[in-house]
PDB file of N, CA and C in Angstrom:
ATOM      1  N   MET A   1       0.859  -1.160   0.000  1.00  0.00           N
ATOM      2  CA  MET A   1       0.000   0.000   0.000  1.00  0.00           C
ATOM      3  C   MET A   1       0.904   1.221   0.000  1.00  0.00           C
ATOM      4  N   SER A   2       0.727   2.086  -0.926  1.00  0.00           N
ATOM      5  CA  SER A   2       1.579   3.255  -0.979  1.00  0.00           C
ATOM      6  C   SER A   2       0.950   4.394  -0.190  1.00  0.00           C
ATOM      7  N   THR A   3       1.757   5.004   0.609  1.00  0.00           N
ATOM      8  CA  THR A   3       1.298   6.133   1.408  1.00  0.00           C
ATOM      9  C   THR A   3       2.271   7.274   1.243  1.00  0.00           C
ATOM     10  N   GLN A   4       1.789   8.440   1.508  1.00  0.00           N
ATOM     11  CA  GLN A   4       2.636   9.616   1.531  1.00  0.00           C
ATOM     12  C   GLN A   4       2.589  10.173   2.940  1.00  0.00           C
ATOM     13  N   THR A   5       3.742  10.466   3.498  1.00  0.00           N
ATOM     14  CA  THR A   5       3.790  11.007   4.847  1.00  0.00           C
ATOM     15  C   THR A   5       4.136  12.486   4.761  1.00  0.00           C
ATOM     16  N   HIS A   6       3.320  13.302   5.372  1.00  0.00           N
ATOM     17  CA  HIS A   6       3.545  14.738   5.409  1.00  0.00           C
ATOM     18  C   HIS A   6       3.740  15.162   6.856  1.00  0.00           C
ATOM     19  N   ARG A   7       4.641  16.072   7.064  1.00  0.00           N
ATOM     20  CA  ARG A   7       4.843  16.593   8.411  1.00  0.00           C
ATOM     21  C   ARG A   7       3.974  17.831   8.592  1.00  0.00           C
ATOM     22  N   ALA A   8       3.157  17.760   9.587  1.00  0.00           N
ATOM     23  CA  ALA A   8       2.351  18.918   9.956  1.00  0.00           C
ATOM     24  C   ALA A   8       3.134  19.690  11.009  1.00  0.00           C
ATOM     25  N   SER A   9       2.550  20.704  11.559  1.00  0.00           N
ATOM     26  CA  SER A   9       3.248  21.456  12.601  1.00  0.00           C
ATOM     27  C   SER A   9       3.468  20.560  13.809  1.00  0.00           C
ATOM     28  N   GLY A  10       4.644  20.589  14.356  1.00  0.00           N
ATOM     29  CA  GLY A  10       4.958  19.722  15.488  1.00  0.00           C
ATOM     30  C   GLY A  10       5.469  18.377  15.010  1.00  0.00           C
ATOM     31  N   ASP A  11       5.262  17.357  15.812  1.00  0.00           N
ATOM     32  CA  ASP A  11       5.754  16.014  15.497  1.00  0.00           C
ATOM     33  C   ASP A  11       4.661  15.092  14.976  1.00  0.00           C
ATOM     34  N   HIS A  12       3.523  15.622  14.591  1.00  0.00           N
ATOM     35  CA  HIS A  12       2.413  14.790  14.132  1.00  0.00           C
ATOM     36  C   HIS A  12       2.637  14.375  12.684  1.00  0.00           C
ATOM     37  N   HIS A  13       2.281  13.139  12.380  1.00  0.00           N
ATOM     38  CA  HIS A  13       2.393  12.627  11.020  1.00  0.00           C
ATOM     39  C   HIS A  13       0.991  12.433  10.454  1.00  0.00           C
ATOM     40  N   VAL A  14       0.806  12.851   9.222  1.00  0.00           N
ATOM     41  CA  VAL A  14      -0.462  12.670   8.533  1.00  0.00           C
ATOM     42  C   VAL A  14      -0.187  11.806   7.312  1.00  0.00           C
ATOM     43  N   GLU A  15      -0.843  10.642   7.232  1.00  0.00           N
ATOM     44  CA  GLU A  15      -0.650   9.760   6.091  1.00  0.00           C
ATOM     45  C   GLU A  15      -1.828   9.892   5.139  1.00  0.00           C
ATOM     46  N   ILE A  16      -1.520  10.057   3.870  1.00  0.00           N
ATOM     47  CA  ILE A  16      -2.536  10.165   2.835  1.00  0.00           C
ATOM     48  C   ILE A  16      -2.433   8.920   1.968  1.00  0.00           C
ATOM     49  N   TYR A  17      -3.501   8.133   1.912  1.00  0.00           N
ATOM     50  CA  TYR A  17      -3.499   6.904   1.131  1.00  0.00           C
ATOM     51  C   TYR A  17      -3.884   7.206  -0.306  1.00  0.00           C
ATOM     52  N   ASP A  18      -3.167   6.571  -1.236  1.00  0.00           N
ATOM     53  CA  ASP A  18      -3.414   6.802  -2.658  1.00  0.00           C
ATOM     54  C   ASP A  18      -4.642   6.071  -3.178  1.00  0.00           C
ATOM     55  N   ASN A  19      -5.088   5.028  -2.484  1.00  0.00           N
ATOM     56  CA  ASN A  19      -6.214   4.242  -2.967  1.00  0.00           C
ATOM     57  C   ASN A  19      -7.378   4.326  -1.978  1.00  0.00           C
ATOM     58  N   PRO A  20      -8.437   5.010  -2.370  1.00  0.00           N
ATOM     59  CA  PRO A  20      -9.592   5.133  -1.478  1.00  0.00           C
ATOM     60  C   PRO A  20     -10.334   3.804  -1.342  1.00  0.00           C
ATOM     61  N   ALA A  21     -11.093   3.676  -0.286  1.00  0.00           N
ATOM     62  CA  ALA A  21     -11.856   2.446  -0.040  1.00  0.00           C
ATOM     63  C   ALA A  21     -13.024   2.343  -1.017  1.00  0.00           C
ATOM     64  N   ASP A  22     -13.393   1.114  -1.325  1.00  0.00           N
ATOM     65  CA  ASP A  22     -14.545   0.873  -2.187  1.00  0.00           C
ATOM     66  C   ASP A  22     -15.829   1.065  -1.387  1.00  0.00           C
ATOM     67  N   SER A  23     -16.886   1.459  -2.070  1.00  0.00           N
ATOM     68  CA  SER A  23     -18.163   1.656  -1.388  1.00  0.00           C
ATOM     69  C   SER A  23     -18.867   0.320  -1.174  1.00  0.00           C
ATOM     70  N   VAL A  24     -19.816   0.315  -0.273  1.00  0.00           N
ATOM     71  CA  VAL A  24     -20.588  -0.896   0.008  1.00  0.00           C
ATOM     72  C   VAL A  24     -21.391  -1.299  -1.221  1.00  0.00           C
ATOM     73  N   GLY A  25     -21.937  -0.323  -1.920  1.00  0.00           N
ATOM     74  CA  GLY A  25     -22.714  -0.613  -3.123  1.00  0.00           C
ATOM     75  C   GLY A  25     -21.888  -1.280  -4.211  1.00  0.00           C
ATOM     76  N   SER A  26     -20.647  -0.833  -4.383  1.00  0.00           N
ATOM     77  CA  SER A  26     -19.803  -1.455  -5.406  1.00  0.00           C
ATOM     78  C   SER A  26     -19.441  -2.889  -5.029  1.00  0.00           C
ATOM     79  N   TRP A  27     -19.278  -3.161  -3.727  1.00  0.00           N
ATOM     80  CA  TRP A  27     -19.027  -4.542  -3.291  1.00  0.00           C
ATOM     81  C   TRP A  27     -20.258  -5.410  -3.509  1.00  0.00           C
ATOM     82  N   MET A  28     -21.448  -4.866  -3.268  1.00  0.00           N
ATOM     83  CA  MET A  28     -22.677  -5.638  -3.482  1.00  0.00           C
ATOM     84  C   MET A  28     -22.846  -5.989  -4.956  1.00  0.00           C
ATOM     85  N   ILE A  29     -22.556  -5.037  -5.836  1.00  0.00           N
ATOM     86  CA  ILE A  29     -22.648  -5.300  -7.272  1.00  0.00           C
ATOM     87  C   ILE A  29     -21.625  -6.354  -7.683  1.00  0.00           C
ATOM     88  N   ALA A  30     -20.420  -6.267  -7.140  1.00  0.00           N
ATOM     89  CA  ALA A  30     -19.380  -7.246  -7.475  1.00  0.00           C
ATOM     90  C   ALA A  30     -19.786  -8.650  -7.047  1.00  0.00           C
ATOM     91  N   ILE A  31     -20.368  -8.781  -5.875  1.00  0.00           N
ATOM     92  CA  ILE A  31     -20.794 -10.093  -5.390  1.00  0.00           C
ATOM     93  C   ILE A  31     -21.950 -10.621  -6.235  1.00  0.00           C
ATOM     94  N   LEU A  32     -22.880  -9.746  -6.616  1.00  0.00           N
ATOM     95  CA  LEU A  32     -23.987 -10.182  -7.472  1.00  0.00           C
ATOM     96  C   LEU A  32     -23.504 -10.603  -8.856  1.00  0.00           C
ATOM     97  N   VAL A  33     -22.534  -9.887  -9.409  1.00  0.00           N
ATOM     98  CA  VAL A  33     -22.010 -10.247 -10.731  1.00  0.00           C
ATOM     99  C   VAL A  33     -21.297 -11.591 -10.673  1.00  0.00           C
ATOM    100  N   THR A  34     -20.576 -11.854  -9.585  1.00  0.00           N
ATOM    101  CA  THR A  34     -19.867 -13.133  -9.486  1.00  0.00           C
ATOM    102  C   THR A  34     -20.818 -14.305  -9.300  1.00  0.00           C
ATOM    103  N   ALA A  35     -22.066 -14.047  -8.945  1.00  0.00           N
ATOM    104  CA  ALA A  35     -23.044 -15.125  -8.794  1.00  0.00           C
ATOM    105  C   ALA A  35     -23.539 -15.641 -10.144  1.00  0.00           C
ATOM    106  N   ILE A  36     -23.337 -14.889 -11.214  1.00  0.00           N
ATOM    107  CA  ILE A  36     -23.723 -15.324 -12.559  1.00  0.00           C
ATOM    108  C   ILE A  36     -22.634 -16.282 -13.057  1.00  0.00           C
ATOM    109  N   PRO A  37     -22.989 -17.510 -13.446  1.00  0.00           N
ATOM    110  CA  PRO A  37     -21.982 -18.554 -13.682  1.00  0.00           C
ATOM    111  C   PRO A  37     -20.798 -18.190 -14.579  1.00  0.00           C
ATOM    112  N   VAL A  38     -20.967 -17.918 -15.835  1.00  0.00           N
ATOM    113  CA  VAL A  38     -19.819 -17.679 -16.716  1.00  0.00           C
ATOM    114  C   VAL A  38     -19.319 -16.246 -16.592  1.00  0.00           C
ATOM    115  N   VAL A  39     -20.233 -15.311 -16.511  1.00  0.00           N
ATOM    116  CA  VAL A  39     -19.880 -13.897 -16.408  1.00  0.00           C
ATOM    117  C   VAL A  39     -19.095 -13.633 -15.126  1.00  0.00           C
ATOM    118  N   GLY A  40     -19.471 -14.277 -14.049  1.00  0.00           N
ATOM    119  CA  GLY A  40     -18.775 -14.091 -12.778  1.00  0.00           C
ATOM    120  C   GLY A  40     -17.335 -14.539 -12.828  1.00  0.00           C
ATOM    121  N   PHE A  41     -17.075 -15.664 -13.492  1.00  0.00           N
ATOM    122  CA  PHE A  41     -15.699 -16.146 -13.617  1.00  0.00           C
ATOM    123  C   PHE A  41     -14.857 -15.181 -14.440  1.00  0.00           C
ATOM    124  N   ILE A  42     -15.411 -14.704 -15.541  1.00  0.00           N
ATOM    125  CA  ILE A  42     -14.688 -13.744 -16.382  1.00  0.00           C
ATOM    126  C   ILE A  42     -14.434 -12.457 -15.607  1.00  0.00           C
ATOM    127  N   TYR A  43     -15.424 -11.999 -14.845  1.00  0.00           N
ATOM    128  CA  TYR A  43     -15.266 -10.793 -14.033  1.00  0.00           C
ATOM    129  C   TYR A  43     -14.133 -10.962 -13.022  1.00  0.00           C
ATOM    130  N   LEU A  44     -14.074 -12.119 -12.357  1.00  0.00           N
ATOM    131  CA  LEU A  44     -13.016 -12.354 -11.372  1.00  0.00           C
ATOM    132  C   LEU A  44     -11.635 -12.354 -12.013  1.00  0.00           C
ATOM    133  N   VAL A  45     -11.517 -12.937 -13.198  1.00  0.00           N
ATOM    134  CA  VAL A  45     -10.223 -12.954 -13.884  1.00  0.00           C
ATOM    135  C   VAL A  45      -9.804 -11.544 -14.271  1.00  0.00           C
ATOM    136  N   VAL A  46     -10.740 -10.756 -14.784  1.00  0.00           N
ATOM    137  CA  VAL A  46     -10.423  -9.383 -15.184  1.00  0.00           C
ATOM    138  C   VAL A  46     -10.022  -8.547 -13.974  1.00  0.00           C
ATOM    139  N   VAL A  47     -10.742  -8.675 -12.878  1.00  0.00           N
ATOM    140  CA  VAL A  47     -10.432  -7.897 -11.680  1.00  0.00           C
ATOM    141  C   VAL A  47      -9.115  -8.358 -11.063  1.00  0.00           C
ATOM    142  N   ALA A  48      -8.872  -9.661 -11.042  1.00  0.00           N
ATOM    143  CA  ALA A  48      -7.668 -10.190 -10.402  1.00  0.00           C
ATOM    144  C   ALA A  48      -6.396  -9.768 -11.122  1.00  0.00           C
ATOM    145  N   PHE A  49      -6.439  -9.689 -12.438  1.00  0.00           N
ATOM    146  CA  PHE A  49      -5.223  -9.407 -13.186  1.00  0.00           C
ATOM    147  C   PHE A  49      -5.236  -8.053 -13.884  1.00  0.00           C
ATOM    148  N   GLY A  50      -6.282  -7.280 -13.716  1.00  0.00           N
ATOM    149  CA  GLY A  50      -6.338  -5.950 -14.293  1.00  0.00           C
ATOM    150  C   GLY A  50      -5.704  -4.922 -13.371  1.00  0.00           C
ATOM    151  N   ALA A  51      -5.388  -3.778 -13.911  1.00  0.00           N
ATOM    152  CA  ALA A  51      -4.717  -2.744 -13.126  1.00  0.00           C
ATOM    153  C   ALA A  51      -5.667  -1.637 -12.680  1.00  0.00           C
ATOM    154  N   THR A  52      -6.923  -1.689 -13.098  1.00  0.00           N
ATOM    155  CA  THR A  52      -7.826  -0.581 -12.803  1.00  0.00           C
ATOM    156  C   THR A  52      -8.584  -0.749 -11.493  1.00  0.00           C
ATOM    157  N   SER A  53      -8.555  -1.923 -10.896  1.00  0.00           N
ATOM    158  CA  SER A  53      -9.303  -2.167  -9.660  1.00  0.00           C
ATOM    159  C   SER A  53      -8.481  -1.761  -8.447  1.00  0.00           C
ATOM    160  N   SER A  54      -9.167  -1.570  -7.340  1.00  0.00           N
ATOM    161  CA  SER A  54      -8.473  -1.245  -6.095  1.00  0.00           C
ATOM    162  C   SER A  54      -7.731  -2.478  -5.586  1.00  0.00           C
ATOM    163  N   PRO A  55      -6.696  -2.283  -4.779  1.00  0.00           N
ATOM    164  CA  PRO A  55      -5.939  -3.432  -4.258  1.00  0.00           C
ATOM    165  C   PRO A  55      -6.787  -4.400  -3.442  1.00  0.00           C
ATOM    166  N   SER A  56      -7.743  -3.898  -2.692  1.00  0.00           N
ATOM    167  CA  SER A  56      -8.579  -4.796  -1.898  1.00  0.00           C
ATOM    168  C   SER A  56      -9.457  -5.661  -2.793  1.00  0.00           C
ATOM    169  N   ARG A  57      -9.970  -5.092  -3.872  1.00  0.00           N
ATOM    170  CA  ARG A  57     -10.797  -5.875  -4.793  1.00  0.00           C
ATOM    171  C   ARG A  57      -9.953  -6.875  -5.576  1.00  0.00           C
ATOM    172  N   ARG A  58      -8.727  -6.488  -5.962  1.00  0.00           N
ATOM    173  CA  ARG A  58      -7.837  -7.437  -6.647  1.00  0.00           C
ATOM    174  C   ARG A  58      -7.499  -8.613  -5.744  1.00  0.00           C
ATOM    175  N   ASN A  59      -7.196  -8.347  -4.480  1.00  0.00           N
ATOM    176  CA  ASN A  59      -6.890  -9.434  -3.544  1.00  0.00           C
ATOM    177  C   ASN A  59      -8.098 -10.331  -3.332  1.00  0.00           C
ATOM    178  N   TRP A  60      -9.278  -9.755  -3.272  1.00  0.00           N
ATOM    179  CA  TRP A  60     -10.507 -10.535  -3.111  1.00  0.00           C
ATOM    180  C   TRP A  60     -10.715 -11.456  -4.309  1.00  0.00           C
ATOM    181  N   ALA A  61     -10.456 -10.950  -5.509  1.00  0.00           N
ATOM    182  CA  ALA A  61     -10.645 -11.761  -6.709  1.00  0.00           C
ATOM    183  C   ALA A  61      -9.582 -12.848  -6.826  1.00  0.00           C
ATOM    184  N   ARG A  62      -8.406 -12.622  -6.272  1.00  0.00           N
ATOM    185  CA  ARG A  62      -7.327 -13.612  -6.332  1.00  0.00           C
ATOM    186  C   ARG A  62      -7.456 -14.683  -5.258  1.00  0.00           C
ATOM    187  N   ALA A  63      -8.223 -14.437  -4.231  1.00  0.00           N
ATOM    188  CA  ALA A  63      -8.341 -15.392  -3.122  1.00  0.00           C
ATOM    189  C   ALA A  63      -9.035 -16.671  -3.594  1.00  0.00           C
ATOM    190  N   PRO A  64      -8.605 -17.814  -3.077  1.00  0.00           N
ATOM    191  CA  PRO A  64      -9.216 -19.088  -3.502  1.00  0.00           C
ATOM    192  C   PRO A  64     -10.607 -19.280  -2.966  1.00  0.00           C
TER     193      PRO A  64
END
């Protein structure tokens, strides 16, 4: 996970994450799409090996 660390005033560290979290609705759609037999398998392959998905979704698609 790539982060950027910025120094604020004092000794406090603020980390800014480059990849925002996925919404609950997008996870629900992903789970519903994977329930369709052939389309779901193709969707998992595209998400697992594509570069446009978030890291959490890629890891989910790669999990056995």
